[in-house]
């Protein structure tokens, strides 16, 4: 049976990914949006936009407060991991990795705190750098940029949720 053009392109892409000299394992395929977890921050799941147009990754954060403890620069912040829902709030503390000037999609440059944390998707875990920013007006609470994916993933822009979706909680009427 003859392969379709899409199947042929996918098999070529996968064989190139498997031969990538920069990785010991084949690159995994990820959709343009996925549910990830940030175990070091106590975030069991957060929907992330996988954005190859962005260099850095960003996490929704508010009440951001930088402080010193035992000579170490730390940051305390809160986040709402579920978009359009403010009921769930996660309080986080992380070591400040850097402060960088980041240009937003609107072209405005701002200095942002950068943290390093563990990201988890399916059976994969890796260290990721995240800038902290108020993303409450954005569609996704987390943005995963090119640097976080480099050498690890290939993005299929036509697919979502290769890792599956969390089950929705059913609302029960107490009447």
N, C-alpha and C. Protein backbone atom coordinates (compact mmCIF):
# COMPACT_ATOMS: atom_id res chain seq x y z
N UNK A 1 0.84 -1.18 0.00
CA UNK A 1 0.00 0.00 0.00
C UNK A 1 0.89 1.24 0.00
N UNK A 2 0.52 2.22 -0.80
CA UNK A 2 1.31 3.42 -0.96
C UNK A 2 1.08 4.37 0.21
N UNK A 3 2.17 5.00 0.70
CA UNK A 3 2.07 5.97 1.79
C UNK A 3 1.52 7.29 1.27
N UNK A 4 0.73 7.95 2.12
CA UNK A 4 0.28 9.29 1.76
C UNK A 4 1.47 10.24 1.89
N UNK A 5 1.34 11.43 1.33
CA UNK A 5 2.42 12.43 1.41
C UNK A 5 2.71 12.80 2.86
N UNK A 6 1.67 12.90 3.67
CA UNK A 6 1.85 13.25 5.09
C UNK A 6 2.60 12.14 5.82
N UNK A 7 2.19 10.87 5.60
CA UNK A 7 2.88 9.75 6.24
C UNK A 7 4.34 9.69 5.81
N UNK A 8 4.60 9.96 4.53
CA UNK A 8 5.97 9.95 4.03
C UNK A 8 6.80 11.02 4.71
N UNK A 9 6.24 12.27 4.82
CA UNK A 9 6.95 13.37 5.49
C UNK A 9 7.20 13.04 6.95
N UNK A 10 6.20 12.46 7.63
CA UNK A 10 6.36 12.12 9.04
C UNK A 10 7.45 11.06 9.22
N UNK A 11 7.49 10.06 8.36
CA UNK A 11 8.51 9.03 8.51
C UNK A 11 9.90 9.61 8.25
N UNK A 12 10.02 10.55 7.30
CA UNK A 12 11.30 11.21 7.06
C UNK A 12 11.70 12.04 8.27
N UNK A 13 10.76 12.76 8.83
CA UNK A 13 11.03 13.60 9.99
C UNK A 13 11.47 12.75 11.16
N UNK A 14 10.78 11.64 11.40
CA UNK A 14 11.13 10.78 12.52
C UNK A 14 12.50 10.15 12.33
N UNK A 15 12.81 9.73 11.09
CA UNK A 15 14.12 9.12 10.88
C UNK A 15 15.22 10.16 11.07
N UNK A 16 14.99 11.41 10.67
CA UNK A 16 15.97 12.46 10.92
C UNK A 16 16.11 12.72 12.40
N UNK A 17 14.99 12.72 13.12
CA UNK A 17 15.03 12.96 14.56
C UNK A 17 15.79 11.85 15.26
N UNK A 18 15.60 10.62 14.82
CA UNK A 18 16.28 9.49 15.46
C UNK A 18 17.78 9.53 15.20
N UNK A 19 18.20 10.19 14.12
CA UNK A 19 19.61 10.28 13.79
C UNK A 19 20.25 11.56 14.33
N UNK A 20 19.51 12.35 15.08
CA UNK A 20 20.02 13.62 15.59
C UNK A 20 21.23 13.36 16.48
N UNK A 21 22.41 13.87 16.12
CA UNK A 21 23.61 13.60 16.91
C UNK A 21 23.62 14.34 18.24
N UNK A 22 22.74 15.32 18.43
CA UNK A 22 22.71 16.10 19.67
C UNK A 22 21.95 15.39 20.78
N UNK A 23 21.29 14.30 20.49
CA UNK A 23 20.52 13.60 21.51
C UNK A 23 20.90 12.13 21.54
N UNK A 24 20.79 11.53 22.72
CA UNK A 24 21.07 10.11 22.85
C UNK A 24 19.82 9.29 22.52
N UNK A 25 18.65 9.92 22.60
CA UNK A 25 17.39 9.24 22.32
C UNK A 25 16.66 10.00 21.23
N UNK A 26 15.71 9.36 20.57
CA UNK A 26 14.95 10.06 19.53
C UNK A 26 14.17 11.24 20.11
N UNK A 27 13.95 12.24 19.28
CA UNK A 27 13.13 13.37 19.69
C UNK A 27 11.69 12.91 19.83
N UNK A 28 11.00 13.43 20.82
CA UNK A 28 9.60 13.09 21.00
C UNK A 28 8.73 14.11 20.28
N UNK A 29 7.57 13.69 19.84
CA UNK A 29 6.64 14.60 19.16
C UNK A 29 5.66 15.13 20.19
N UNK A 30 5.46 16.44 20.14
CA UNK A 30 4.59 17.13 21.07
C UNK A 30 3.64 18.01 20.26
N UNK A 31 2.44 18.21 20.74
CA UNK A 31 1.46 19.05 20.04
C UNK A 31 1.68 20.53 20.32
N UNK A 32 0.88 21.38 19.70
CA UNK A 32 1.05 22.83 19.89
C UNK A 32 0.55 23.29 21.25
N UNK A 33 -0.20 22.44 21.95
CA UNK A 33 -0.58 22.69 23.34
C UNK A 33 -0.59 21.35 24.05
N UNK A 34 -0.11 21.37 25.30
CA UNK A 34 0.02 20.14 26.07
C UNK A 34 -0.19 20.45 27.55
N UNK A 35 -0.56 19.43 28.31
CA UNK A 35 -0.64 19.52 29.76
C UNK A 35 0.69 19.05 30.33
N UNK A 36 1.37 19.91 31.06
CA UNK A 36 2.64 19.60 31.70
C UNK A 36 2.46 19.66 33.21
N UNK A 37 3.46 19.21 33.94
CA UNK A 37 3.48 19.45 35.38
C UNK A 37 4.81 20.06 35.76
N UNK A 38 4.80 20.80 36.86
CA UNK A 38 6.01 21.42 37.41
C UNK A 38 6.15 20.92 38.84
N UNK A 39 6.68 19.71 39.01
CA UNK A 39 6.67 19.07 40.34
C UNK A 39 7.43 19.85 41.41
N UNK A 40 8.54 20.49 41.07
CA UNK A 40 9.31 21.25 42.06
C UNK A 40 8.53 22.44 42.61
N UNK A 41 7.57 22.93 41.84
CA UNK A 41 6.77 24.08 42.26
C UNK A 41 5.42 23.66 42.85
N UNK A 42 5.16 22.36 42.87
CA UNK A 42 3.88 21.88 43.40
C UNK A 42 2.72 22.08 42.46
N UNK A 43 3.00 22.12 41.16
CA UNK A 43 1.95 22.30 40.15
C UNK A 43 1.73 20.96 39.46
N UNK A 44 0.61 20.27 39.80
CA UNK A 44 0.38 18.94 39.23
C UNK A 44 0.07 18.96 37.74
N UNK A 45 -0.54 20.05 37.25
CA UNK A 45 -0.79 20.17 35.82
C UNK A 45 -1.06 21.62 35.46
N UNK A 46 -0.58 21.97 34.28
CA UNK A 46 -0.79 23.31 33.74
C UNK A 46 -0.80 23.18 32.22
N UNK A 47 -1.77 23.84 31.59
CA UNK A 47 -1.85 23.77 30.13
C UNK A 47 -0.85 24.78 29.55
N UNK A 48 0.00 24.29 28.67
CA UNK A 48 1.05 25.13 28.10
C UNK A 48 0.90 25.22 26.59
N UNK A 49 1.19 26.40 26.09
CA UNK A 49 1.27 26.60 24.64
C UNK A 49 2.72 26.34 24.24
N UNK A 50 2.91 25.49 23.27
CA UNK A 50 4.24 25.16 22.77
C UNK A 50 4.49 26.13 21.62
N UNK A 51 5.41 27.08 21.83
CA UNK A 51 5.56 28.20 20.91
C UNK A 51 6.97 28.26 20.34
N UNK A 52 7.12 27.78 19.12
CA UNK A 52 8.44 27.79 18.47
C UNK A 52 8.85 29.20 18.07
N UNK A 53 7.94 30.14 18.10
CA UNK A 53 8.27 31.53 17.79
C UNK A 53 8.86 32.29 18.96
N UNK A 54 8.76 31.73 20.15
CA UNK A 54 9.31 32.36 21.35
C UNK A 54 10.61 31.68 21.74
N UNK A 55 11.62 32.45 22.06
CA UNK A 55 12.90 31.86 22.47
C UNK A 55 12.82 31.32 23.88
N UNK A 56 12.28 32.13 24.80
CA UNK A 56 12.24 31.72 26.21
C UNK A 56 10.86 31.23 26.60
N UNK A 57 10.80 30.58 27.74
CA UNK A 57 9.54 30.06 28.28
C UNK A 57 9.08 30.98 29.40
N UNK A 58 7.78 31.04 29.60
CA UNK A 58 7.22 31.96 30.59
C UNK A 58 6.13 31.28 31.40
N UNK A 59 6.03 31.66 32.66
CA UNK A 59 5.04 31.11 33.57
C UNK A 59 4.23 32.26 34.16
N UNK A 60 2.92 32.09 34.21
CA UNK A 60 2.05 33.08 34.84
C UNK A 60 2.39 33.18 36.32
N UNK A 61 2.66 34.38 36.80
CA UNK A 61 2.97 34.59 38.22
C UNK A 61 2.49 35.97 38.62
N UNK A 62 2.07 36.09 39.88
CA UNK A 62 1.69 37.39 40.43
C UNK A 62 2.13 37.43 41.88
N UNK A 63 2.01 38.58 42.50
CA UNK A 63 2.55 38.81 43.85
C UNK A 63 4.00 38.35 43.92
N UNK A 64 4.77 38.73 42.91
CA UNK A 64 6.17 38.33 42.80
C UNK A 64 6.99 39.16 43.79
N UNK A 65 7.74 38.48 44.65
CA UNK A 65 8.53 39.15 45.68
C UNK A 65 9.90 38.50 45.76
N UNK A 66 10.93 39.27 45.41
CA UNK A 66 12.29 38.76 45.49
C UNK A 66 12.83 39.04 46.90
N UNK A 67 13.57 38.07 47.49
CA UNK A 67 14.12 38.25 48.82
C UNK A 67 15.41 37.45 48.98
N UNK A 68 16.15 37.76 50.03
CA UNK A 68 17.41 37.08 50.34
C UNK A 68 17.22 36.16 51.54
N UNK A 69 17.82 34.99 51.47
CA UNK A 69 17.79 34.07 52.60
C UNK A 69 19.12 33.33 52.62
N UNK A 70 19.85 33.49 53.70
CA UNK A 70 21.16 32.85 53.87
C UNK A 70 22.07 33.11 52.67
N UNK A 71 22.07 34.35 52.20
CA UNK A 71 22.94 34.76 51.09
C UNK A 71 22.48 34.30 49.72
N UNK A 72 21.30 33.74 49.64
CA UNK A 72 20.78 33.22 48.37
C UNK A 72 19.60 34.09 47.93
N UNK A 73 19.56 34.45 46.66
CA UNK A 73 18.46 35.24 46.12
C UNK A 73 17.30 34.32 45.74
N UNK A 74 16.16 34.54 46.36
CA UNK A 74 14.97 33.72 46.12
C UNK A 74 13.82 34.59 45.65
N UNK A 75 12.80 33.94 45.11
CA UNK A 75 11.59 34.64 44.70
C UNK A 75 10.38 33.86 45.20
N UNK A 76 9.44 34.61 45.72
CA UNK A 76 8.17 34.04 46.19
C UNK A 76 7.10 34.58 45.23
N UNK A 77 6.21 33.70 44.78
CA UNK A 77 5.16 34.13 43.86
C UNK A 77 3.98 33.19 43.97
N UNK A 78 2.86 33.63 43.40
CA UNK A 78 1.65 32.82 43.35
C UNK A 78 1.27 32.63 41.89
N UNK A 79 0.53 31.56 41.64
CA UNK A 79 0.02 31.36 40.29
C UNK A 79 -1.30 30.63 40.34
N UNK A 80 -2.09 30.87 39.31
CA UNK A 80 -3.34 30.14 39.06
C UNK A 80 -3.04 29.23 37.88
N UNK A 81 -2.85 27.92 38.11
CA UNK A 81 -2.43 27.04 37.01
C UNK A 81 -3.51 26.78 35.96
N UNK A 82 -4.79 26.96 36.31
CA UNK A 82 -5.86 26.69 35.36
C UNK A 82 -6.36 28.01 34.80
N UNK A 83 -6.30 28.15 33.48
CA UNK A 83 -6.71 29.42 32.86
C UNK A 83 -8.19 29.69 33.10
N UNK A 84 -8.50 30.95 33.25
CA UNK A 84 -9.86 31.45 33.49
C UNK A 84 -10.46 30.93 34.81
N UNK A 85 -9.61 30.44 35.70
CA UNK A 85 -10.09 29.99 37.02
C UNK A 85 -9.12 30.50 38.08
N UNK A 86 -9.64 31.21 39.04
CA UNK A 86 -8.78 31.74 40.09
C UNK A 86 -8.98 31.03 41.43
N UNK A 87 -9.82 29.98 41.45
CA UNK A 87 -10.06 29.26 42.70
C UNK A 87 -8.80 28.54 43.18
N UNK A 88 -8.10 27.90 42.26
CA UNK A 88 -6.88 27.18 42.64
C UNK A 88 -5.70 28.13 42.59
N UNK A 89 -5.01 28.25 43.73
CA UNK A 89 -3.86 29.12 43.83
C UNK A 89 -2.70 28.31 44.38
N UNK A 90 -1.55 28.42 43.74
CA UNK A 90 -0.36 27.71 44.19
C UNK A 90 0.67 28.76 44.61
N UNK A 91 1.17 28.65 45.84
CA UNK A 91 2.22 29.54 46.34
C UNK A 91 3.55 28.84 46.13
N UNK A 92 4.50 29.54 45.53
CA UNK A 92 5.77 28.93 45.15
C UNK A 92 6.94 29.75 45.68
N UNK A 93 8.05 29.08 45.92
CA UNK A 93 9.32 29.72 46.24
C UNK A 93 10.38 29.03 45.38
N UNK A 94 11.24 29.82 44.75
CA UNK A 94 12.29 29.25 43.90
C UNK A 94 13.53 30.13 43.97
N UNK A 95 14.64 29.55 43.65
CA UNK A 95 15.90 30.29 43.58
C UNK A 95 15.90 31.14 42.31
N UNK A 96 16.35 32.40 42.43
CA UNK A 96 16.46 33.27 41.26
C UNK A 96 17.68 32.81 40.46
N UNK A 97 17.46 32.43 39.24
CA UNK A 97 18.55 31.98 38.36
C UNK A 97 19.20 33.17 37.65
N UNK A 98 18.36 34.14 37.25
CA UNK A 98 18.85 35.29 36.48
C UNK A 98 17.75 36.34 36.42
N UNK A 99 18.10 37.53 35.98
CA UNK A 99 17.13 38.56 35.63
C UNK A 99 17.48 38.99 34.22
N UNK A 100 16.51 38.89 33.29
CA UNK A 100 16.77 39.15 31.88
C UNK A 100 15.77 40.14 31.30
N UNK A 101 16.23 40.84 30.30
CA UNK A 101 15.34 41.70 29.54
C UNK A 101 14.66 40.83 28.48
N UNK A 102 13.33 40.81 28.52
CA UNK A 102 12.56 39.98 27.60
C UNK A 102 11.63 40.88 26.80
N UNK A 103 11.61 40.67 25.50
CA UNK A 103 10.73 41.45 24.63
C UNK A 103 9.44 40.66 24.43
N UNK A 104 8.32 41.26 24.77
CA UNK A 104 7.02 40.60 24.65
C UNK A 104 6.58 40.57 23.19
N UNK A 105 5.48 39.87 22.93
CA UNK A 105 4.96 39.79 21.56
C UNK A 105 4.51 41.16 21.05
N UNK A 106 4.22 42.09 21.97
CA UNK A 106 3.84 43.44 21.56
C UNK A 106 5.06 44.33 21.30
N UNK A 107 6.27 43.79 21.56
CA UNK A 107 7.49 44.53 21.28
C UNK A 107 8.05 45.28 22.48
N UNK A 108 7.38 45.21 23.62
CA UNK A 108 7.83 45.92 24.82
C UNK A 108 8.85 45.08 25.58
N UNK A 109 9.99 45.69 25.95
CA UNK A 109 11.02 44.98 26.70
C UNK A 109 10.85 45.26 28.19
N UNK A 110 10.90 44.20 29.01
CA UNK A 110 10.83 44.33 30.46
C UNK A 110 11.84 43.38 31.08
N UNK A 111 12.31 43.75 32.27
CA UNK A 111 13.19 42.86 33.02
C UNK A 111 12.33 41.85 33.76
N UNK A 112 12.71 40.57 33.63
CA UNK A 112 11.94 39.51 34.28
C UNK A 112 12.87 38.60 35.08
N UNK A 113 12.34 38.12 36.19
CA UNK A 113 13.06 37.13 36.98
C UNK A 113 12.98 35.79 36.25
N UNK A 114 14.11 35.07 36.24
CA UNK A 114 14.18 33.75 35.61
C UNK A 114 14.46 32.72 36.71
N UNK A 115 13.70 31.64 36.70
CA UNK A 115 13.93 30.53 37.62
C UNK A 115 14.23 29.28 36.80
N UNK A 116 14.86 28.30 37.44
CA UNK A 116 15.03 26.99 36.83
C UNK A 116 14.20 26.01 37.65
N UNK A 117 13.47 25.15 36.95
CA UNK A 117 12.66 24.15 37.64
C UNK A 117 12.54 22.92 36.76
N UNK A 118 11.95 21.89 37.28
CA UNK A 118 11.74 20.66 36.51
C UNK A 118 10.38 20.70 35.84
N UNK A 119 10.37 20.40 34.55
CA UNK A 119 9.11 20.23 33.81
C UNK A 119 8.94 18.74 33.56
N UNK A 120 7.70 18.30 33.59
CA UNK A 120 7.41 16.87 33.39
C UNK A 120 6.28 16.72 32.39
N UNK A 121 6.47 15.81 31.43
CA UNK A 121 5.45 15.51 30.42
C UNK A 121 5.58 14.04 30.08
N UNK A 122 4.50 13.31 30.25
CA UNK A 122 4.52 11.86 30.10
C UNK A 122 5.63 11.28 30.97
N UNK A 123 6.55 10.53 30.40
CA UNK A 123 7.63 9.95 31.21
C UNK A 123 8.92 10.76 31.10
N UNK A 124 8.83 11.97 30.56
CA UNK A 124 10.00 12.81 30.37
C UNK A 124 10.09 13.87 31.47
N UNK A 125 11.28 14.12 31.98
CA UNK A 125 11.53 15.22 32.91
C UNK A 125 12.78 15.93 32.46
N UNK A 126 12.78 17.26 32.52
CA UNK A 126 13.94 18.03 32.14
C UNK A 126 13.91 19.36 32.89
N UNK A 127 15.09 19.98 32.99
CA UNK A 127 15.21 21.29 33.63
C UNK A 127 14.84 22.36 32.61
N UNK A 128 14.04 23.30 33.06
CA UNK A 128 13.55 24.34 32.18
C UNK A 128 13.76 25.70 32.85
N UNK A 129 14.12 26.70 32.07
CA UNK A 129 14.19 28.07 32.56
C UNK A 129 12.86 28.74 32.26
N UNK A 130 12.30 29.40 33.26
CA UNK A 130 11.02 30.09 33.11
C UNK A 130 11.14 31.54 33.55
N UNK A 131 10.67 32.45 32.71
CA UNK A 131 10.55 33.83 33.16
C UNK A 131 9.21 33.96 33.86
N UNK A 132 9.15 34.80 34.88
CA UNK A 132 7.90 35.00 35.62
C UNK A 132 7.24 36.27 35.12
N UNK A 133 5.97 36.18 34.73
CA UNK A 133 5.24 37.32 34.19
C UNK A 133 3.76 37.14 34.45
N UNK A 134 3.04 38.25 34.55
CA UNK A 134 1.59 38.18 34.69
C UNK A 134 1.01 37.84 33.32
N UNK A 135 0.53 36.61 33.18
CA UNK A 135 -0.07 36.14 31.93
C UNK A 135 -1.58 35.99 32.08
N UNK A 136 -2.17 36.70 33.05
CA UNK A 136 -3.60 36.54 33.33
C UNK A 136 -4.47 36.94 32.13
N UNK A 137 -3.98 37.82 31.29
CA UNK A 137 -4.75 38.24 30.12
C UNK A 137 -4.43 37.41 28.89
N UNK A 138 -3.52 36.46 29.04
CA UNK A 138 -3.12 35.62 27.92
C UNK A 138 -3.95 34.34 27.91
N UNK A 139 -3.96 33.66 26.80
CA UNK A 139 -4.76 32.44 26.66
C UNK A 139 -4.20 31.25 27.41
N UNK A 140 -2.89 31.24 27.68
CA UNK A 140 -2.26 30.12 28.35
C UNK A 140 -1.45 30.63 29.54
N UNK A 141 -1.47 29.87 30.63
CA UNK A 141 -0.74 30.25 31.84
C UNK A 141 0.75 29.94 31.72
N UNK A 142 1.11 29.16 30.72
CA UNK A 142 2.52 28.82 30.51
C UNK A 142 2.81 28.79 29.02
N UNK A 143 3.98 29.28 28.68
CA UNK A 143 4.45 29.28 27.30
C UNK A 143 5.78 28.54 27.28
N UNK A 144 5.91 27.54 26.44
CA UNK A 144 7.16 26.79 26.32
C UNK A 144 7.83 27.22 25.02
N UNK A 145 9.00 27.84 25.15
CA UNK A 145 9.73 28.37 24.00
C UNK A 145 10.76 27.39 23.45
N UNK A 146 11.45 27.84 22.40
CA UNK A 146 12.42 26.99 21.67
C UNK A 146 13.52 26.42 22.56
N UNK A 147 14.07 27.25 23.45
CA UNK A 147 15.19 26.79 24.27
C UNK A 147 14.82 25.58 25.12
N UNK A 148 13.58 25.52 25.59
CA UNK A 148 13.15 24.39 26.43
C UNK A 148 12.96 23.11 25.62
N UNK A 149 12.75 23.25 24.32
CA UNK A 149 12.47 22.09 23.46
C UNK A 149 13.69 21.60 22.70
N UNK A 150 14.68 22.47 22.55
CA UNK A 150 15.83 22.18 21.70
C UNK A 150 16.47 20.84 22.05
N UNK A 151 16.60 19.98 21.04
CA UNK A 151 17.23 18.69 21.22
C UNK A 151 16.36 17.65 21.91
N UNK A 152 15.11 18.00 22.24
CA UNK A 152 14.23 17.08 22.95
C UNK A 152 12.96 16.75 22.19
N UNK A 153 12.41 17.74 21.48
CA UNK A 153 11.06 17.60 20.95
C UNK A 153 10.94 18.13 19.53
N UNK A 154 9.98 17.55 18.83
CA UNK A 154 9.52 18.07 17.55
C UNK A 154 8.06 18.47 17.76
N UNK A 155 7.66 19.61 17.24
CA UNK A 155 6.30 20.09 17.43
C UNK A 155 5.47 19.77 16.20
N UNK A 156 4.33 19.11 16.41
CA UNK A 156 3.35 18.89 15.35
C UNK A 156 2.32 20.00 15.51
N UNK A 157 2.36 21.04 14.68
CA UNK A 157 1.47 22.19 14.87
C UNK A 157 0.00 21.90 14.58
N UNK A 158 -0.28 20.75 14.02
CA UNK A 158 -1.67 20.39 13.71
C UNK A 158 -2.32 19.52 14.76
N UNK A 159 -1.60 19.20 15.83
CA UNK A 159 -2.13 18.29 16.85
C UNK A 159 -1.98 18.89 18.23
N UNK A 160 -2.79 18.41 19.16
CA UNK A 160 -2.75 18.85 20.55
C UNK A 160 -2.84 17.64 21.46
N UNK A 161 -2.34 17.82 22.65
CA UNK A 161 -2.52 16.86 23.75
C UNK A 161 -2.07 15.44 23.42
N UNK A 162 -0.85 15.30 22.91
CA UNK A 162 -0.29 13.97 22.71
C UNK A 162 -0.21 13.23 24.04
N UNK A 163 -0.04 13.99 25.12
CA UNK A 163 0.04 13.39 26.45
C UNK A 163 -1.31 13.16 27.09
N UNK A 164 -2.39 13.44 26.37
CA UNK A 164 -3.73 13.26 26.91
C UNK A 164 -4.21 14.50 27.64
N UNK A 165 -5.48 14.46 28.00
CA UNK A 165 -6.11 15.56 28.75
C UNK A 165 -6.51 15.06 30.11
N UNK A 166 -6.41 15.92 31.13
CA UNK A 166 -6.89 15.49 32.45
C UNK A 166 -8.40 15.32 32.43
N UNK A 167 -8.88 14.41 33.24
CA UNK A 167 -10.33 14.21 33.31
C UNK A 167 -10.97 15.41 33.99
N UNK A 168 -12.09 15.84 33.42
CA UNK A 168 -12.82 16.96 34.02
C UNK A 168 -13.56 16.48 35.25
N UNK A 169 -13.58 17.33 36.25
CA UNK A 169 -14.35 17.02 37.45
C UNK A 169 -15.80 17.29 37.16
N UNK A 170 -16.65 16.38 37.59
CA UNK A 170 -18.09 16.57 37.40
C UNK A 170 -18.63 17.40 38.55
N UNK A 171 -19.51 18.32 38.21
CA UNK A 171 -20.15 19.14 39.23
C UNK A 171 -21.42 18.44 39.69
N UNK A 172 -21.58 18.33 40.99
CA UNK A 172 -22.77 17.69 41.54
C UNK A 172 -23.68 18.73 42.14
N UNK A 173 -24.94 18.60 41.89
CA UNK A 173 -25.94 19.53 42.41
C UNK A 173 -26.38 19.04 43.80
N UNK A 174 -26.26 19.88 44.80
CA UNK A 174 -26.61 19.50 46.16
C UNK A 174 -28.06 19.78 46.46
N UNK A 175 -28.86 20.06 45.49
CA UNK A 175 -30.27 20.42 45.73
C UNK A 175 -31.10 19.21 46.06
